[in-house]
Amino acid sequence: MTRRRPAVHFTPDHGWMNDPHGLVYANGEYHAFFQYVPHDTKWQSDLHWGHAVSRDAVRWTDRGSALRGSRMVVPNSHRVAAKHWHEP
């Protein structure tokens, strides 16, 4: 089966993503953070924060979940990702 993917717009390898909520340029790389459900293709209450990295803002590398959500606490602010995110 051929996967249909946008030529320029970033999409994660799997799952559901929402609009980017945190775009950061640090140490020569662009970082995009977005609400993300890695285990389904539709919105769920246990959102994660997805993370993608690029050196040119055109070709992106999916870095998976930067923060994992829970059904009790839904991350809904870009300030949370910016405050708690760090390189693994």
PDB file of N, CA and C in Angstrom:
ATOM      1  N   MET A   1       0.847  -1.168   0.000  1.00  0.00           N
ATOM      2  CA  MET A   1       0.000   0.000   0.000  1.00  0.00           C
ATOM      3  C   MET A   1       0.900   1.241   0.000  1.00  0.00           C
ATOM      4  N   THR A   2       0.564   2.216  -0.788  1.00  0.00           N
ATOM      5  CA  THR A   2       1.295   3.472  -0.845  1.00  0.00           C
ATOM      6  C   THR A   2       0.735   4.430   0.196  1.00  0.00           C
ATOM      7  N   ARG A   3       1.629   4.989   1.010  1.00  0.00           N
ATOM      8  CA  ARG A   3       1.192   5.959   2.015  1.00  0.00           C
ATOM      9  C   ARG A   3       1.142   7.338   1.389  1.00  0.00           C
ATOM     10  N   ARG A   4       0.068   8.030   1.621  1.00  0.00           N
ATOM     11  CA  ARG A   4      -0.052   9.410   1.141  1.00  0.00           C
ATOM     12  C   ARG A   4       0.399  10.336   2.253  1.00  0.00           C
ATOM     13  N   ARG A   5       1.436  11.118   1.946  1.00  0.00           N
ATOM     14  CA  ARG A   5       1.977  12.062   2.916  1.00  0.00           C
ATOM     15  C   ARG A   5       2.215  13.388   2.220  1.00  0.00           C
ATOM     16  N   PRO A   6       2.010  14.477   2.911  1.00  0.00           N
ATOM     17  CA  PRO A   6       2.277  15.781   2.310  1.00  0.00           C
ATOM     18  C   PRO A   6       3.754  15.934   1.961  1.00  0.00           C
ATOM     19  N   ALA A   7       4.049  16.689   0.926  1.00  0.00           N
ATOM     20  CA  ALA A   7       5.437  16.894   0.496  1.00  0.00           C
ATOM     21  C   ALA A   7       6.183  17.850   1.419  1.00  0.00           C
ATOM     22  N   VAL A   8       5.493  18.817   2.012  1.00  0.00           N
ATOM     23  CA  VAL A   8       6.160  19.820   2.840  1.00  0.00           C
ATOM     24  C   VAL A   8       5.673  19.785   4.286  1.00  0.00           C
ATOM     25  N   HIS A   9       4.398  19.631   4.497  1.00  0.00           N
ATOM     26  CA  HIS A   9       3.809  19.664   5.835  1.00  0.00           C
ATOM     27  C   HIS A   9       4.261  18.452   6.647  1.00  0.00           C
ATOM     28  N   PHE A  10       4.704  18.660   7.889  1.00  0.00           N
ATOM     29  CA  PHE A  10       5.118  17.548   8.758  1.00  0.00           C
ATOM     30  C   PHE A  10       3.912  16.739   9.222  1.00  0.00           C
ATOM     31  N   THR A  11       4.053  15.435   9.229  1.00  0.00           N
ATOM     32  CA  THR A  11       3.105  14.528   9.864  1.00  0.00           C
ATOM     33  C   THR A  11       3.905  13.459  10.592  1.00  0.00           C
ATOM     34  N   PRO A  12       3.445  13.008  11.765  1.00  0.00           N
ATOM     35  CA  PRO A  12       4.159  11.943  12.464  1.00  0.00           C
ATOM     36  C   PRO A  12       4.034  10.622  11.705  1.00  0.00           C
ATOM     37  N   ASP A  13       4.879   9.671  12.031  1.00  0.00           N
ATOM     38  CA  ASP A  13       4.862   8.371  11.363  1.00  0.00           C
ATOM     39  C   ASP A  13       3.546   7.626  11.564  1.00  0.00           C
ATOM     40  N   HIS A  14       2.887   7.845  12.685  1.00  0.00           N
ATOM     41  CA  HIS A  14       1.611   7.187  12.975  1.00  0.00           C
ATOM     42  C   HIS A  14       0.844   8.036  13.981  1.00  0.00           C
ATOM     43  N   GLY A  15      -0.431   7.731  14.138  1.00  0.00           N
ATOM     44  CA  GLY A  15      -1.253   8.410  15.131  1.00  0.00           C
ATOM     45  C   GLY A  15      -1.907   9.684  14.622  1.00  0.00           C
ATOM     46  N   TRP A  16      -2.479  10.418  15.555  1.00  0.00           N
ATOM     47  CA  TRP A  16      -3.216  11.655  15.297  1.00  0.00           C
ATOM     48  C   TRP A  16      -2.414  12.815  15.833  1.00  0.00           C
ATOM     49  N   MET A  17      -2.383  13.911  15.088  1.00  0.00           N
ATOM     50  CA  MET A  17      -1.724  15.123  15.588  1.00  0.00           C
ATOM     51  C   MET A  17      -2.637  16.319  15.424  1.00  0.00           C
ATOM     52  N   ASN A  18      -2.458  17.291  16.298  1.00  0.00           N
ATOM     53  CA  ASN A  18      -3.169  18.551  16.220  1.00  0.00           C
ATOM     54  C   ASN A  18      -2.185  19.605  15.712  1.00  0.00           C
ATOM     55  N   ASP A  19      -2.656  20.834  15.584  1.00  0.00           N
ATOM     56  CA  ASP A  19      -1.784  21.925  15.134  1.00  0.00           C
ATOM     57  C   ASP A  19      -0.591  22.077  16.073  1.00  0.00           C
ATOM     58  N   PRO A  20       0.540  22.528  15.536  1.00  0.00           N
ATOM     59  CA  PRO A  20       1.688  22.815  16.411  1.00  0.00           C
ATOM     60  C   PRO A  20       1.332  23.905  17.421  1.00  0.00           C
ATOM     61  N   HIS A  21       1.745  23.712  18.664  1.00  0.00           N
ATOM     62  CA  HIS A  21       1.507  24.692  19.721  1.00  0.00           C
ATOM     63  C   HIS A  21       2.798  25.308  20.221  1.00  0.00           C
ATOM     64  N   GLY A  22       3.910  24.745  19.868  1.00  0.00           N
ATOM     65  CA  GLY A  22       5.190  25.285  20.314  1.00  0.00           C
ATOM     66  C   GLY A  22       6.231  25.122  19.227  1.00  0.00           C
ATOM     67  N   LEU A  23       6.674  26.221  18.663  1.00  0.00           N
ATOM     68  CA  LEU A  23       7.744  26.200  17.669  1.00  0.00           C
ATOM     69  C   LEU A  23       8.933  26.925  18.283  1.00  0.00           C
ATOM     70  N   VAL A  24      10.077  26.247  18.339  1.00  0.00           N
ATOM     71  CA  VAL A  24      11.251  26.767  19.021  1.00  0.00           C
ATOM     72  C   VAL A  24      12.464  26.600  18.122  1.00  0.00           C
ATOM     73  N   TYR A  25      13.360  27.595  18.130  1.00  0.00           N
ATOM     74  CA  TYR A  25      14.652  27.464  17.448  1.00  0.00           C
ATOM     75  C   TYR A  25      15.721  27.498  18.538  1.00  0.00           C
ATOM     76  N   ALA A  26      16.498  26.429  18.643  1.00  0.00           N
ATOM     77  CA  ALA A  26      17.530  26.345  19.678  1.00  0.00           C
ATOM     78  C   ALA A  26      18.704  25.518  19.174  1.00  0.00           C
ATOM     79  N   ASN A  27      19.909  26.013  19.408  1.00  0.00           N
ATOM     80  CA  ASN A  27      21.134  25.282  19.077  1.00  0.00           C
ATOM     81  C   ASN A  27      21.169  24.818  17.629  1.00  0.00           C
ATOM     82  N   GLY A  28      20.716  25.664  16.709  1.00  0.00           N
ATOM     83  CA  GLY A  28      20.784  25.357  15.289  1.00  0.00           C
ATOM     84  C   GLY A  28      19.705  24.427  14.769  1.00  0.00           C
ATOM     85  N   GLU A  29      18.684  24.147  15.582  1.00  0.00           N
ATOM     86  CA  GLU A  29      17.595  23.265  15.149  1.00  0.00           C
ATOM     87  C   GLU A  29      16.241  23.899  15.461  1.00  0.00           C
ATOM     88  N   TYR A  30      15.278  23.626  14.583  1.00  0.00           N
ATOM     89  CA  TYR A  30      13.891  23.981  14.832  1.00  0.00           C
ATOM     90  C   TYR A  30      13.237  22.808  15.543  1.00  0.00           C
ATOM     91  N   HIS A  31      12.403  23.108  16.535  1.00  0.00           N
ATOM     92  CA  HIS A  31      11.665  22.083  17.271  1.00  0.00           C
ATOM     93  C   HIS A  31      10.192  22.425  17.179  1.00  0.00           C
ATOM     94  N   ALA A  32       9.370  21.458  16.802  1.00  0.00           N
ATOM     95  CA  ALA A  32       7.923  21.632  16.752  1.00  0.00           C
ATOM     96  C   ALA A  32       7.297  20.708  17.796  1.00  0.00           C
ATOM     97  N   PHE A  33       6.417  21.255  18.622  1.00  0.00           N
ATOM     98  CA  PHE A  33       5.689  20.481  19.617  1.00  0.00           C
ATOM     99  C   PHE A  33       4.204  20.565  19.264  1.00  0.00           C
ATOM    100  N   PHE A  34       3.507  19.456  19.403  1.00  0.00           N
ATOM    101  CA  PHE A  34       2.109  19.397  18.984  1.00  0.00           C
ATOM    102  C   PHE A  34       1.370  18.363  19.813  1.00  0.00           C
ATOM    103  N   GLN A  35       0.053  18.566  19.984  1.00  0.00           N
ATOM    104  CA  GLN A  35      -0.757  17.552  20.649  1.00  0.00           C
ATOM    105  C   GLN A  35      -0.778  16.319  19.766  1.00  0.00           C
ATOM    106  N   TYR A  36      -0.668  15.146  20.395  1.00  0.00           N
ATOM    107  CA  TYR A  36      -0.391  13.919  19.657  1.00  0.00           C
ATOM    108  C   TYR A  36      -1.032  12.729  20.359  1.00  0.00           C
ATOM    109  N   VAL A  37      -1.686  11.879  19.593  1.00  0.00           N
ATOM    110  CA  VAL A  37      -2.218  10.604  20.091  1.00  0.00           C
ATOM    111  C   VAL A  37      -1.515   9.511  19.285  1.00  0.00           C
ATOM    112  N   PRO A  38      -0.459   8.908  19.832  1.00  0.00           N
ATOM    113  CA  PRO A  38       0.345   7.968  19.050  1.00  0.00           C
ATOM    114  C   PRO A  38      -0.337   6.637  18.754  1.00  0.00           C
ATOM    115  N   HIS A  39      -1.342   6.255  19.526  1.00  0.00           N
ATOM    116  CA  HIS A  39      -1.951   4.932  19.397  1.00  0.00           C
ATOM    117  C   HIS A  39      -3.298   4.931  18.686  1.00  0.00           C
ATOM    118  N   ASP A  40      -3.694   6.078  18.102  1.00  0.00           N
ATOM    119  CA  ASP A  40      -4.984   6.122  17.419  1.00  0.00           C
ATOM    120  C   ASP A  40      -4.945   7.216  16.355  1.00  0.00           C
ATOM    121  N   THR A  41      -5.894   7.172  15.431  1.00  0.00           N
ATOM    122  CA  THR A  41      -5.950   8.183  14.370  1.00  0.00           C
ATOM    123  C   THR A  41      -7.056   9.208  14.620  1.00  0.00           C
ATOM    124  N   LYS A  42      -7.582   9.233  15.838  1.00  0.00           N
ATOM    125  CA  LYS A  42      -8.563  10.247  16.212  1.00  0.00           C
ATOM    126  C   LYS A  42      -8.247  10.739  17.622  1.00  0.00           C
ATOM    127  N   TRP A  43      -8.837  11.908  17.971  1.00  0.00           N
ATOM    128  CA  TRP A  43      -8.577  12.524  19.264  1.00  0.00           C
ATOM    129  C   TRP A  43      -8.937  11.579  20.393  1.00  0.00           C
ATOM    130  N   GLN A  44      -8.110  11.557  21.435  1.00  0.00           N
ATOM    131  CA  GLN A  44      -8.357  10.803  22.665  1.00  0.00           C
ATOM    132  C   GLN A  44      -8.039  11.715  23.837  1.00  0.00           C
ATOM    133  N   SER A  45      -8.565  11.413  25.011  1.00  0.00           N
ATOM    134  CA  SER A  45      -8.341  12.282  26.165  1.00  0.00           C
ATOM    135  C   SER A  45      -6.939  12.132  26.759  1.00  0.00           C
ATOM    136  N   ASP A  46      -6.210  11.090  26.394  1.00  0.00           N
ATOM    137  CA  ASP A  46      -4.849  10.929  26.932  1.00  0.00           C
ATOM    138  C   ASP A  46      -3.822  11.429  25.913  1.00  0.00           C
ATOM    139  N   LEU A  47      -3.848  12.732  25.685  1.00  0.00           N
ATOM    140  CA  LEU A  47      -2.952  13.354  24.714  1.00  0.00           C
ATOM    141  C   LEU A  47      -1.501  13.306  25.177  1.00  0.00           C
ATOM    142  N   HIS A  48      -0.619  13.221  24.214  1.00  0.00           N
ATOM    143  CA  HIS A  48       0.811  13.368  24.443  1.00  0.00           C
ATOM    144  C   HIS A  48       1.229  14.671  23.770  1.00  0.00           C
ATOM    145  N   TRP A  49       2.446  15.116  24.024  1.00  0.00           N
ATOM    146  CA  TRP A  49       3.059  16.189  23.244  1.00  0.00           C
ATOM    147  C   TRP A  49       4.037  15.533  22.304  1.00  0.00           C
ATOM    148  N   GLY A  50       3.771  15.634  21.000  1.00  0.00           N
ATOM    149  CA  GLY A  50       4.700  15.125  20.003  1.00  0.00           C
ATOM    150  C   GLY A  50       5.836  16.110  19.799  1.00  0.00           C
ATOM    151  N   HIS A  51       6.930  15.622  19.226  1.00  0.00           N
ATOM    152  CA  HIS A  51       8.122  16.456  19.036  1.00  0.00           C
ATOM    153  C   HIS A  51       8.747  16.103  17.692  1.00  0.00           C
ATOM    154  N   ALA A  52       9.066  17.107  16.912  1.00  0.00           N
ATOM    155  CA  ALA A  52       9.764  16.925  15.636  1.00  0.00           C
ATOM    156  C   ALA A  52      10.904  17.938  15.567  1.00  0.00           C
ATOM    157  N   VAL A  53      11.987  17.572  14.878  1.00  0.00           N
ATOM    158  CA  VAL A  53      13.183  18.413  14.793  1.00  0.00           C
ATOM    159  C   VAL A  53      13.582  18.591  13.334  1.00  0.00           C
ATOM    160  N   SER A  54      14.085  19.788  13.007  1.00  0.00           N
ATOM    161  CA  SER A  54      14.544  20.072  11.644  1.00  0.00           C
ATOM    162  C   SER A  54      15.688  21.087  11.694  1.00  0.00           C
ATOM    163  N   ARG A  55      16.621  20.960  10.774  1.00  0.00           N
ATOM    164  CA  ARG A  55      17.686  21.961  10.651  1.00  0.00           C
ATOM    165  C   ARG A  55      17.296  23.060   9.663  1.00  0.00           C
ATOM    166  N   ASP A  56      16.334  22.779   8.754  1.00  0.00           N
ATOM    167  CA  ASP A  56      15.981  23.756   7.721  1.00  0.00           C
ATOM    168  C   ASP A  56      14.498  24.137   7.715  1.00  0.00           C
ATOM    169  N   ALA A  57      13.708  23.618   8.617  1.00  0.00           N
ATOM    170  CA  ALA A  57      12.263  23.875   8.722  1.00  0.00           C
ATOM    171  C   ALA A  57      11.484  23.352   7.521  1.00  0.00           C
ATOM    172  N   VAL A  58      12.094  22.463   6.736  1.00  0.00           N
ATOM    173  CA  VAL A  58      11.415  21.822   5.604  1.00  0.00           C
ATOM    174  C   VAL A  58      11.408  20.311   5.793  1.00  0.00           C
ATOM    175  N   ARG A  59      12.551  19.724   6.070  1.00  0.00           N
ATOM    176  CA  ARG A  59      12.679  18.278   6.298  1.00  0.00           C
ATOM    177  C   ARG A  59      12.707  18.024   7.800  1.00  0.00           C
ATOM    178  N   TRP A  60      11.714  17.282   8.283  1.00  0.00           N
ATOM    179  CA  TRP A  60      11.535  17.071   9.721  1.00  0.00           C
ATOM    180  C   TRP A  60      11.788  15.626  10.110  1.00  0.00           C
ATOM    181  N   THR A  61      12.288  15.432  11.323  1.00  0.00           N
ATOM    182  CA  THR A  61      12.485  14.106  11.900  1.00  0.00           C
ATOM    183  C   THR A  61      11.542  13.962  13.088  1.00  0.00           C
ATOM    184  N   ASP A  62      10.714  12.941  13.066  1.00  0.00           N
ATOM    185  CA  ASP A  62       9.774  12.665  14.149  1.00  0.00           C
ATOM    186  C   ASP A  62      10.547  12.149  15.353  1.00  0.00           C
ATOM    187  N   ARG A  63      10.377  12.787  16.511  1.00  0.00           N
ATOM    188  CA  ARG A  63      11.064  12.364  17.729  1.00  0.00           C
ATOM    189  C   ARG A  63      10.109  11.691  18.717  1.00  0.00           C
ATOM    190  N   GLY A  64       8.874  11.401  18.277  1.00  0.00           N
ATOM    191  CA  GLY A  64       7.924  10.710  19.153  1.00  0.00           C
ATOM    192  C   GLY A  64       7.337  11.627  20.216  1.00  0.00           C
ATOM    193  N   SER A  65       7.026  11.056  21.371  1.00  0.00           N
ATOM    194  CA  SER A  65       6.405  11.809  22.462  1.00  0.00           C
ATOM    195  C   SER A  65       7.456  12.508  23.312  1.00  0.00           C
ATOM    196  N   ALA A  66       7.305  13.822  23.457  1.00  0.00           N
ATOM    197  CA  ALA A  66       8.172  14.584  24.363  1.00  0.00           C
ATOM    198  C   ALA A  66       7.623  14.502  25.781  1.00  0.00           C
ATOM    199  N   LEU A  67       6.301  14.545  25.896  1.00  0.00           N
ATOM    200  CA  LEU A  67       5.616  14.381  27.172  1.00  0.00           C
ATOM    201  C   LEU A  67       4.466  13.419  26.956  1.00  0.00           C
ATOM    202  N   ARG A  68       4.283  12.526  27.903  1.00  0.00           N
ATOM    203  CA  ARG A  68       3.182  11.582  27.803  1.00  0.00           C
ATOM    204  C   ARG A  68       2.031  12.071  28.661  1.00  0.00           C
ATOM    205  N   GLY A  69       0.829  11.981  28.116  1.00  0.00           N
ATOM    206  CA  GLY A  69      -0.353  12.430  28.836  1.00  0.00           C
ATOM    207  C   GLY A  69      -0.939  11.322  29.684  1.00  0.00           C
ATOM    208  N   SER A  70      -2.011  11.662  30.347  1.00  0.00           N
ATOM    209  CA  SER A  70      -2.774  10.675  31.102  1.00  0.00           C
ATOM    210  C   SER A  70      -4.242  11.044  30.975  1.00  0.00           C
ATOM    211  N   ARG A  71      -5.112  10.141  31.329  1.00  0.00           N
ATOM    212  CA  ARG A  71      -6.540  10.436  31.242  1.00  0.00           C
ATOM    213  C   ARG A  71      -6.963  11.423  32.333  1.00  0.00           C
ATOM    214  N   MET A  72      -6.164  11.609  33.355  1.00  0.00           N
ATOM    215  CA  MET A  72      -6.494  12.540  34.435  1.00  0.00           C
ATOM    216  C   MET A  72      -6.013  13.959  34.130  1.00  0.00           C
ATOM    217  N   VAL A  73      -4.860  14.090  33.507  1.00  0.00           N
ATOM    218  CA  VAL A  73      -4.288  15.410  33.225  1.00  0.00           C
ATOM    219  C   VAL A  73      -3.994  15.490  31.741  1.00  0.00           C
ATOM    220  N   VAL A  74      -4.635  16.415  31.058  1.00  0.00           N
ATOM    221  CA  VAL A  74      -4.428  16.585  29.625  1.00  0.00           C
ATOM    222  C   VAL A  74      -3.512  17.785  29.406  1.00  0.00           C
ATOM    223  N   PRO A  75      -2.318  17.564  28.828  1.00  0.00           N
ATOM    224  CA  PRO A  75      -1.456  18.717  28.560  1.00  0.00           C
ATOM    225  C   PRO A  75      -2.108  19.605  27.501  1.00  0.00           C
ATOM    226  N   ASN A  76      -2.358  20.857  27.856  1.00  0.00           N
ATOM    227  CA  ASN A  76      -3.068  21.717  26.912  1.00  0.00           C
ATOM    228  C   ASN A  76      -2.435  23.094  26.792  1.00  0.00           C
ATOM    229  N   SER A  77      -1.207  23.230  27.219  1.00  0.00           N
ATOM    230  CA  SER A  77      -0.574  24.533  27.129  1.00  0.00           C
ATOM    231  C   SER A  77       0.848  24.393  26.620  1.00  0.00           C
ATOM    232  N   HIS A  78       1.213  25.219  25.642  1.00  0.00           N
ATOM    233  CA  HIS A  78       2.575  25.177  25.130  1.00  0.00           C
ATOM    234  C   HIS A  78       3.577  25.548  26.218  1.00  0.00           C
ATOM    235  N   ARG A  79       3.144  26.259  27.251  1.00  0.00           N
ATOM    236  CA  ARG A  79       4.051  26.612  28.345  1.00  0.00           C
ATOM    237  C   ARG A  79       4.527  25.362  29.087  1.00  0.00           C
ATOM    238  N   VAL A  80       3.679  24.354  29.193  1.00  0.00           N
ATOM    239  CA  VAL A  80       4.070  23.108  29.851  1.00  0.00           C
ATOM    240  C   VAL A  80       5.196  22.452  29.077  1.00  0.00           C
ATOM    241  N   ALA A  81       5.057  22.353  27.757  1.00  0.00           N
ATOM    242  CA  ALA A  81       6.095  21.715  26.939  1.00  0.00           C
ATOM    243  C   ALA A  81       7.394  22.500  27.013  1.00  0.00           C
ATOM    244  N   ALA A  82       7.330  23.809  26.930  1.00  0.00           N
ATOM    245  CA  ALA A  82       8.539  24.622  26.955  1.00  0.00           C
ATOM    246  C   ALA A  82       9.224  24.551  28.316  1.00  0.00           C
ATOM    247  N   LYS A  83       8.463  24.492  29.373  1.00  0.00           N
ATOM    248  CA  LYS A  83       9.022  24.473  30.724  1.00  0.00           C
ATOM    249  C   LYS A  83       9.661  23.135  31.059  1.00  0.00           C
ATOM    250  N   HIS A  84       9.065  22.020  30.627  1.00  0.00           N
ATOM    251  CA  HIS A  84       9.491  20.702  31.063  1.00  0.00           C
ATOM    252  C   HIS A  84      10.264  19.902  30.013  1.00  0.00           C
ATOM    253  N   TRP A  85      10.379  20.416  28.793  1.00  0.00           N
ATOM    254  CA  TRP A  85      11.046  19.659  27.751  1.00  0.00           C
ATOM    255  C   TRP A  85      12.558  19.764  27.896  1.00  0.00           C
ATOM    256  N   HIS A  86      13.239  18.666  27.652  1.00  0.00           N
ATOM    257  CA  HIS A  86      14.698  18.676  27.591  1.00  0.00           C
ATOM    258  C   HIS A  86      15.145  17.527  26.717  1.00  0.00           C
ATOM    259  N   GLU A  87      16.325  17.626  26.171  1.00  0.00           N
ATOM    260  CA  GLU A  87      16.865  16.560  25.324  1.00  0.00           C
ATOM    261  C   GLU A  87      17.055  15.300  26.155  1.00  0.00           C
ATOM    262  N   PRO A  88      16.714  14.123  25.602  1.00  0.00           N
ATOM    263  CA  PRO A  88      16.945  12.865  26.335  1.00  0.00           C
ATOM    264  C   PRO A  88      18.427  12.562  26.447  1.00  0.00           C
TER     265      PRO A  88
END
